[in-house]
Amino acid sequence: MIMNMTELKRYMEEAVMKPMDHKNLDKDVDYFFTRPSTTENLTIFIWNRMKSVMDEPELLYEVEVHETENNIVKYRGE
């Protein structure tokens, strides 16, 4: 096991759910004030947020966002 699932859930709650759940991304999330809320930008936002909240950010390998079954964006950092 690389990471305890309880820790991962806590990180995802802090990095993803708190800033974005039930929000209008373009109006309520500062990151999207200066860039469009595309799936690509959303994936980068999640990557950056996860890196910032994780105790061991080097364990983050990839963020994958499924918009539809045919539109999937993966990001592994710069």
PDB file of N, CA and C in Angstrom:
ATOM      1  N   MET A   1       0.841  -1.177   0.000  1.00  0.00           N
ATOM      2  CA  MET A   1       0.000   0.000   0.000  1.00  0.00           C
ATOM      3  C   MET A   1       0.888   1.244   0.000  1.00  0.00           C
ATOM      4  N   ILE A   2       0.612   2.143  -0.889  1.00  0.00           N
ATOM      5  CA  ILE A   2       1.378   3.388  -0.990  1.00  0.00           C
ATOM      6  C   ILE A   2       0.835   4.443  -0.043  1.00  0.00           C
ATOM      7  N   MET A   3      -0.492   4.511   0.074  1.00  0.00           N
ATOM      8  CA  MET A   3      -1.103   5.530   0.911  1.00  0.00           C
ATOM      9  C   MET A   3      -2.374   4.977   1.541  1.00  0.00           C
ATOM     10  N   ASN A   4      -2.617   5.367   2.755  1.00  0.00           N
ATOM     11  CA  ASN A   4      -3.835   5.010   3.444  1.00  0.00           C
ATOM     12  C   ASN A   4      -5.011   5.707   2.755  1.00  0.00           C
ATOM     13  N   MET A   5      -6.058   4.966   2.454  1.00  0.00           N
ATOM     14  CA  MET A   5      -7.207   5.532   1.743  1.00  0.00           C
ATOM     15  C   MET A   5      -7.917   6.612   2.555  1.00  0.00           C
ATOM     16  N   THR A   6      -7.870   6.523   3.857  1.00  0.00           N
ATOM     17  CA  THR A   6      -8.466   7.557   4.703  1.00  0.00           C
ATOM     18  C   THR A   6      -7.735   8.879   4.516  1.00  0.00           C
ATOM     19  N   GLU A   7      -6.409   8.820   4.413  1.00  0.00           N
ATOM     20  CA  GLU A   7      -5.625  10.032   4.164  1.00  0.00           C
ATOM     21  C   GLU A   7      -5.942  10.605   2.791  1.00  0.00           C
ATOM     22  N   LEU A   8      -6.017   9.739   1.781  1.00  0.00           N
ATOM     23  CA  LEU A   8      -6.336  10.197   0.431  1.00  0.00           C
ATOM     24  C   LEU A   8      -7.698  10.877   0.406  1.00  0.00           C
ATOM     25  N   LYS A   9      -8.665  10.290   1.074  1.00  0.00           N
ATOM     26  CA  LYS A   9     -10.001  10.890   1.134  1.00  0.00           C
ATOM     27  C   LYS A   9      -9.945  12.266   1.790  1.00  0.00           C
ATOM     28  N   ARG A  10      -9.155  12.388   2.854  1.00  0.00           N
ATOM     29  CA  ARG A  10      -9.007  13.678   3.535  1.00  0.00           C
ATOM     30  C   ARG A  10      -8.374  14.719   2.605  1.00  0.00           C
ATOM     31  N   TYR A  11      -7.345  14.307   1.879  1.00  0.00           N
ATOM     32  CA  TYR A  11      -6.700  15.218   0.922  1.00  0.00           C
ATOM     33  C   TYR A  11      -7.678  15.657  -0.166  1.00  0.00           C
ATOM     34  N   MET A  12      -8.442  14.717  -0.683  1.00  0.00           N
ATOM     35  CA  MET A  12      -9.394  15.042  -1.749  1.00  0.00           C
ATOM     36  C   MET A  12     -10.504  15.963  -1.247  1.00  0.00           C
ATOM     37  N   GLU A  13     -10.935  15.747  -0.021  1.00  0.00           N
ATOM     38  CA  GLU A  13     -11.945  16.628   0.575  1.00  0.00           C
ATOM     39  C   GLU A  13     -11.416  18.059   0.647  1.00  0.00           C
ATOM     40  N   GLU A  14     -10.182  18.210   1.131  1.00  0.00           N
ATOM     41  CA  GLU A  14      -9.580  19.537   1.288  1.00  0.00           C
ATOM     42  C   GLU A  14      -9.249  20.179  -0.065  1.00  0.00           C
ATOM     43  N   ALA A  15      -8.696  19.409  -0.974  1.00  0.00           N
ATOM     44  CA  ALA A  15      -8.200  19.952  -2.242  1.00  0.00           C
ATOM     45  C   ALA A  15      -9.279  20.117  -3.302  1.00  0.00           C
ATOM     46  N   VAL A  16     -10.281  19.257  -3.290  1.00  0.00           N
ATOM     47  CA  VAL A  16     -11.260  19.249  -4.377  1.00  0.00           C
ATOM     48  C   VAL A  16     -12.655  19.663  -3.909  1.00  0.00           C
ATOM     49  N   MET A  17     -13.162  18.970  -2.909  1.00  0.00           N
ATOM     50  CA  MET A  17     -14.545  19.186  -2.511  1.00  0.00           C
ATOM     51  C   MET A  17     -14.779  20.559  -1.867  1.00  0.00           C
ATOM     52  N   LYS A  18     -13.939  20.929  -0.928  1.00  0.00           N
ATOM     53  CA  LYS A  18     -14.157  22.208  -0.247  1.00  0.00           C
ATOM     54  C   LYS A  18     -14.160  23.402  -1.204  1.00  0.00           C
ATOM     55  N   PRO A  19     -13.172  23.513  -2.084  1.00  0.00           N
ATOM     56  CA  PRO A  19     -13.169  24.703  -2.943  1.00  0.00           C
ATOM     57  C   PRO A  19     -14.160  24.651  -4.114  1.00  0.00           C
ATOM     58  N   MET A  20     -14.644  23.451  -4.491  1.00  0.00           N
ATOM     59  CA  MET A  20     -15.428  23.380  -5.729  1.00  0.00           C
ATOM     60  C   MET A  20     -16.837  22.815  -5.615  1.00  0.00           C
ATOM     61  N   ASP A  21     -17.142  22.070  -4.579  1.00  0.00           N
ATOM     62  CA  ASP A  21     -18.446  21.415  -4.484  1.00  0.00           C
ATOM     63  C   ASP A  21     -19.577  22.443  -4.422  1.00  0.00           C
ATOM     64  N   HIS A  22     -20.540  22.290  -5.312  1.00  0.00           N
ATOM     65  CA  HIS A  22     -21.701  23.173  -5.411  1.00  0.00           C
ATOM     66  C   HIS A  22     -21.309  24.632  -5.657  1.00  0.00           C
ATOM     67  N   LYS A  23     -20.279  24.823  -6.449  1.00  0.00           N
ATOM     68  CA  LYS A  23     -19.815  26.176  -6.767  1.00  0.00           C
ATOM     69  C   LYS A  23     -19.883  26.429  -8.267  1.00  0.00           C
ATOM     70  N   ASN A  24     -20.037  27.681  -8.623  1.00  0.00           N
ATOM     71  CA  ASN A  24     -19.876  28.112  -9.995  1.00  0.00           C
ATOM     72  C   ASN A  24     -18.385  28.405 -10.142  1.00  0.00           C
ATOM     73  N   LEU A  25     -17.668  27.548 -10.843  1.00  0.00           N
ATOM     74  CA  LEU A  25     -16.211  27.677 -10.913  1.00  0.00           C
ATOM     75  C   LEU A  25     -15.769  29.049 -11.395  1.00  0.00           C
ATOM     76  N   ASP A  26     -16.435  29.567 -12.410  1.00  0.00           N
ATOM     77  CA  ASP A  26     -16.025  30.844 -12.995  1.00  0.00           C
ATOM     78  C   ASP A  26     -16.256  32.033 -12.051  1.00  0.00           C
ATOM     79  N   LYS A  27     -17.215  31.920 -11.153  1.00  0.00           N
ATOM     80  CA  LYS A  27     -17.540  33.040 -10.274  1.00  0.00           C
ATOM     81  C   LYS A  27     -17.081  32.853  -8.832  1.00  0.00           C
ATOM     82  N   ASP A  28     -16.910  31.604  -8.398  1.00  0.00           N
ATOM     83  CA  ASP A  28     -16.654  31.346  -6.985  1.00  0.00           C
ATOM     84  C   ASP A  28     -15.250  30.838  -6.662  1.00  0.00           C
ATOM     85  N   VAL A  29     -14.496  30.425  -7.658  1.00  0.00           N
ATOM     86  CA  VAL A  29     -13.159  29.870  -7.422  1.00  0.00           C
ATOM     87  C   VAL A  29     -12.129  30.814  -8.033  1.00  0.00           C
ATOM     88  N   ASP A  30     -11.294  31.416  -7.179  1.00  0.00           N
ATOM     89  CA  ASP A  30     -10.336  32.438  -7.616  1.00  0.00           C
ATOM     90  C   ASP A  30      -9.488  32.003  -8.813  1.00  0.00           C
ATOM     91  N   TYR A  31      -9.069  30.760  -8.810  1.00  0.00           N
ATOM     92  CA  TYR A  31      -8.189  30.252  -9.871  1.00  0.00           C
ATOM     93  C   TYR A  31      -8.795  30.472 -11.258  1.00  0.00           C
ATOM     94  N   PHE A  32     -10.115  30.391 -11.366  1.00  0.00           N
ATOM     95  CA  PHE A  32     -10.778  30.488 -12.660  1.00  0.00           C
ATOM     96  C   PHE A  32     -11.221  31.912 -13.007  1.00  0.00           C
ATOM     97  N   PHE A  33     -10.840  32.887 -12.200  1.00  0.00           N
ATOM     98  CA  PHE A  33     -11.121  34.273 -12.544  1.00  0.00           C
ATOM     99  C   PHE A  33     -10.296  34.704 -13.743  1.00  0.00           C
ATOM    100  N   THR A  34      -9.115  34.109 -13.920  1.00  0.00           N
ATOM    101  CA  THR A  34      -8.191  34.551 -14.966  1.00  0.00           C
ATOM    102  C   THR A  34      -7.988  33.520 -16.080  1.00  0.00           C
ATOM    103  N   ARG A  35      -8.713  32.429 -16.030  1.00  0.00           N
ATOM    104  CA  ARG A  35      -8.595  31.393 -17.062  1.00  0.00           C
ATOM    105  C   ARG A  35      -9.923  30.674 -17.174  1.00  0.00           C
ATOM    106  N   PRO A  36     -10.235  30.136 -18.341  1.00  0.00           N
ATOM    107  CA  PRO A  36     -11.514  29.432 -18.507  1.00  0.00           C
ATOM    108  C   PRO A  36     -11.537  28.123 -17.720  1.00  0.00           C
ATOM    109  N   SER A  37     -12.712  27.732 -17.285  1.00  0.00           N
ATOM    110  CA  SER A  37     -12.856  26.505 -16.504  1.00  0.00           C
ATOM    111  C   SER A  37     -13.015  25.286 -17.422  1.00  0.00           C
ATOM    112  N   THR A  38     -12.015  25.070 -18.251  1.00  0.00           N
ATOM    113  CA  THR A  38     -12.002  23.903 -19.126  1.00  0.00           C
ATOM    114  C   THR A  38     -11.601  22.669 -18.317  1.00  0.00           C
ATOM    115  N   THR A  39     -11.829  21.513 -18.872  1.00  0.00           N
ATOM    116  CA  THR A  39     -11.421  20.279 -18.194  1.00  0.00           C
ATOM    117  C   THR A  39      -9.914  20.254 -18.001  1.00  0.00           C
ATOM    118  N   GLU A  40      -9.172  20.772 -18.949  1.00  0.00           N
ATOM    119  CA  GLU A  40      -7.711  20.810 -18.835  1.00  0.00           C
ATOM    120  C   GLU A  40      -7.289  21.681 -17.652  1.00  0.00           C
ATOM    121  N   ASN A  41      -7.876  22.876 -17.552  1.00  0.00           N
ATOM    122  CA  ASN A  41      -7.528  23.772 -16.444  1.00  0.00           C
ATOM    123  C   ASN A  41      -8.017  23.228 -15.105  1.00  0.00           C
ATOM    124  N   LEU A  42      -9.154  22.562 -15.116  1.00  0.00           N
ATOM    125  CA  LEU A  42      -9.653  21.935 -13.898  1.00  0.00           C
ATOM    126  C   LEU A  42      -8.685  20.859 -13.407  1.00  0.00           C
ATOM    127  N   THR A  43      -8.155  20.081 -14.307  1.00  0.00           N
ATOM    128  CA  THR A  43      -7.209  19.023 -13.952  1.00  0.00           C
ATOM    129  C   THR A  43      -5.933  19.610 -13.350  1.00  0.00           C
ATOM    130  N   ILE A  44      -5.438  20.693 -13.932  1.00  0.00           N
ATOM    131  CA  ILE A  44      -4.249  21.363 -13.391  1.00  0.00           C
ATOM    132  C   ILE A  44      -4.547  21.950 -12.013  1.00  0.00           C
ATOM    133  N   PHE A  45      -5.716  22.526 -11.847  1.00  0.00           N
ATOM    134  CA  PHE A  45      -6.120  23.076 -10.544  1.00  0.00           C
ATOM    135  C   PHE A  45      -6.115  21.984  -9.481  1.00  0.00           C
ATOM    136  N   ILE A  46      -6.709  20.838  -9.801  1.00  0.00           N
ATOM    137  CA  ILE A  46      -6.755  19.730  -8.841  1.00  0.00           C
ATOM    138  C   ILE A  46      -5.344  19.252  -8.519  1.00  0.00           C
ATOM    139  N   TRP A  47      -4.494  19.137  -9.523  1.00  0.00           N
ATOM    140  CA  TRP A  47      -3.096  18.727  -9.298  1.00  0.00           C
ATOM    141  C   TRP A  47      -2.419  19.670  -8.291  1.00  0.00           C
ATOM    142  N   ASN A  48      -2.524  20.965  -8.569  1.00  0.00           N
ATOM    143  CA  ASN A  48      -1.876  21.957  -7.708  1.00  0.00           C
ATOM    144  C   ASN A  48      -2.432  21.928  -6.285  1.00  0.00           C
ATOM    145  N   ARG A  49      -3.732  21.799  -6.170  1.00  0.00           N
ATOM    146  CA  ARG A  49      -4.360  21.742  -4.843  1.00  0.00           C
ATOM    147  C   ARG A  49      -3.934  20.484  -4.090  1.00  0.00           C
ATOM    148  N   MET A  50      -3.925  19.347  -4.771  1.00  0.00           N
ATOM    149  CA  MET A  50      -3.518  18.096  -4.123  1.00  0.00           C
ATOM    150  C   MET A  50      -2.072  18.208  -3.637  1.00  0.00           C
ATOM    151  N   LYS A  51      -1.192  18.724  -4.492  1.00  0.00           N
ATOM    152  CA  LYS A  51       0.210  18.899  -4.105  1.00  0.00           C
ATOM    153  C   LYS A  51       0.328  19.766  -2.854  1.00  0.00           C
ATOM    154  N   SER A  52      -0.515  20.783  -2.753  1.00  0.00           N
ATOM    155  CA  SER A  52      -0.410  21.723  -1.638  1.00  0.00           C
ATOM    156  C   SER A  52      -0.945  21.162  -0.322  1.00  0.00           C
ATOM    157  N   VAL A  53      -1.847  20.194  -0.360  1.00  0.00           N
ATOM    158  CA  VAL A  53      -2.428  19.680   0.886  1.00  0.00           C
ATOM    159  C   VAL A  53      -1.812  18.359   1.348  1.00  0.00           C
ATOM    160  N   MET A  54      -1.129  17.655   0.460  1.00  0.00           N
ATOM    161  CA  MET A  54      -0.589  16.347   0.820  1.00  0.00           C
ATOM    162  C   MET A  54       0.638  16.471   1.717  1.00  0.00           C
ATOM    163  N   ASP A  55       0.720  15.574   2.691  1.00  0.00           N
ATOM    164  CA  ASP A  55       1.891  15.532   3.563  1.00  0.00           C
ATOM    165  C   ASP A  55       3.127  15.060   2.801  1.00  0.00           C
ATOM    166  N   GLU A  56       2.918  14.183   1.837  1.00  0.00           N
ATOM    167  CA  GLU A  56       4.004  13.680   0.992  1.00  0.00           C
ATOM    168  C   GLU A  56       3.624  13.904  -0.478  1.00  0.00           C
ATOM    169  N   PRO A  57       3.748  15.142  -0.964  1.00  0.00           N
ATOM    170  CA  PRO A  57       3.294  15.464  -2.318  1.00  0.00           C
ATOM    171  C   PRO A  57       4.009  14.686  -3.417  1.00  0.00           C
ATOM    172  N   GLU A  58       5.194  14.153  -3.124  1.00  0.00           N
ATOM    173  CA  GLU A  58       5.908  13.373  -4.138  1.00  0.00           C
ATOM    174  C   GLU A  58       5.177  12.075  -4.478  1.00  0.00           C
ATOM    175  N   LEU A  59       4.198  11.684  -3.664  1.00  0.00           N
ATOM    176  CA  LEU A  59       3.417  10.479  -3.955  1.00  0.00           C
ATOM    177  C   LEU A  59       2.360  10.712  -5.039  1.00  0.00           C
ATOM    178  N   LEU A  60       2.058  11.973  -5.315  1.00  0.00           N
ATOM    179  CA  LEU A  60       1.079  12.268  -6.359  1.00  0.00           C
ATOM    180  C   LEU A  60       1.707  12.017  -7.714  1.00  0.00           C
ATOM    181  N   TYR A  61       1.130  11.106  -8.460  1.00  0.00           N
ATOM    182  CA  TYR A  61       1.679  10.730  -9.761  1.00  0.00           C
ATOM    183  C   TYR A  61       0.882  11.348 -10.902  1.00  0.00           C
ATOM    184  N   GLU A  62      -0.443  11.299 -10.792  1.00  0.00           N
ATOM    185  CA  GLU A  62      -1.276  11.735 -11.911  1.00  0.00           C
ATOM    186  C   GLU A  62      -2.653  12.125 -11.402  1.00  0.00           C
ATOM    187  N   VAL A  63      -3.251  13.108 -12.065  1.00  0.00           N
ATOM    188  CA  VAL A  63      -4.650  13.460 -11.842  1.00  0.00           C
ATOM    189  C   VAL A  63      -5.373  13.181 -13.149  1.00  0.00           C
ATOM    190  N   GLU A  64      -6.493  12.486 -13.040  1.00  0.00           N
ATOM    191  CA  GLU A  64      -7.275  12.121 -14.226  1.00  0.00           C
ATOM    192  C   GLU A  64      -8.710  12.568 -14.008  1.00  0.00           C
ATOM    193  N   VAL A  65      -9.233  13.380 -14.926  1.00  0.00           N
ATOM    194  CA  VAL A  65     -10.605  13.879 -14.838  1.00  0.00           C
ATOM    195  C   VAL A  65     -11.378  13.368 -16.042  1.00  0.00           C
ATOM    196  N   HIS A  66     -12.517  12.725 -15.772  1.00  0.00           N
ATOM    197  CA  HIS A  66     -13.395  12.211 -16.822  1.00  0.00           C
ATOM    198  C   HIS A  66     -14.570  13.168 -16.974  1.00  0.00           C
ATOM    199  N   GLU A  67     -14.593  13.875 -18.084  1.00  0.00           N
ATOM    200  CA  GLU A  67     -15.729  14.752 -18.367  1.00  0.00           C
ATOM    201  C   GLU A  67     -16.859  13.911 -18.960  1.00  0.00           C
ATOM    202  N   THR A  68     -16.508  13.074 -19.912  1.00  0.00           N
ATOM    203  CA  THR A  68     -17.418  12.076 -20.486  1.00  0.00           C
ATOM    204  C   THR A  68     -16.593  10.813 -20.680  1.00  0.00           C
ATOM    205  N   GLU A  69     -17.218   9.754 -21.161  1.00  0.00           N
ATOM    206  CA  GLU A  69     -16.439   8.531 -21.384  1.00  0.00           C
ATOM    207  C   GLU A  69     -15.417   8.700 -22.501  1.00  0.00           C
ATOM    208  N   ASN A  70     -15.622   9.692 -23.362  1.00  0.00           N
ATOM    209  CA  ASN A  70     -14.687   9.937 -24.463  1.00  0.00           C
ATOM    210  C   ASN A  70     -13.780  11.142 -24.247  1.00  0.00           C
ATOM    211  N   ASN A  71     -14.043  11.933 -23.233  1.00  0.00           N
ATOM    212  CA  ASN A  71     -13.238  13.123 -22.968  1.00  0.00           C
ATOM    213  C   ASN A  71     -12.600  12.984 -21.589  1.00  0.00           C
ATOM    214  N   ILE A  72     -11.349  12.551 -21.577  1.00  0.00           N
ATOM    215  CA  ILE A  72     -10.609  12.294 -20.351  1.00  0.00           C
ATOM    216  C   ILE A  72      -9.301  13.079 -20.403  1.00  0.00           C
ATOM    217  N   VAL A  73      -9.016  13.800 -19.335  1.00  0.00           N
ATOM    218  CA  VAL A  73      -7.784  14.587 -19.267  1.00  0.00           C
ATOM    219  C   VAL A  73      -6.922  14.041 -18.137  1.00  0.00           C
ATOM    220  N   LYS A  74      -5.640  13.812 -18.453  1.00  0.00           N
ATOM    221  CA  LYS A  74      -4.662  13.359 -17.467  1.00  0.00           C
ATOM    222  C   LYS A  74      -3.576  14.408 -17.351  1.00  0.00           C
ATOM    223  N   TYR A  75      -3.100  14.611 -16.118  1.00  0.00           N
ATOM    224  CA  TYR A  75      -2.034  15.587 -15.888  1.00  0.00           C
ATOM    225  C   TYR A  75      -1.044  15.019 -14.884  1.00  0.00           C
ATOM    226  N   ARG A  76       0.235  15.146 -15.197  1.00  0.00           N
ATOM    227  CA  ARG A  76       1.295  14.637 -14.328  1.00  0.00           C
ATOM    228  C   ARG A  76       2.261  15.737 -13.900  1.00  0.00           C
ATOM    229  N   GLY A  77       1.809  16.958 -13.885  1.00  0.00           N
ATOM    230  CA  GLY A  77       2.679  18.060 -13.510  1.00  0.00           C
ATOM    231  C   GLY A  77       3.452  18.574 -14.705  1.00  0.00           C
ATOM    232  N   GLU A  78       4.232  19.603 -14.483  1.00  0.00           N
ATOM    233  CA  GLU A  78       4.965  20.203 -15.593  1.00  0.00           C
ATOM    234  C   GLU A  78       6.296  19.539 -15.797  1.00  0.00           C
TER     235      GLU A  78
END
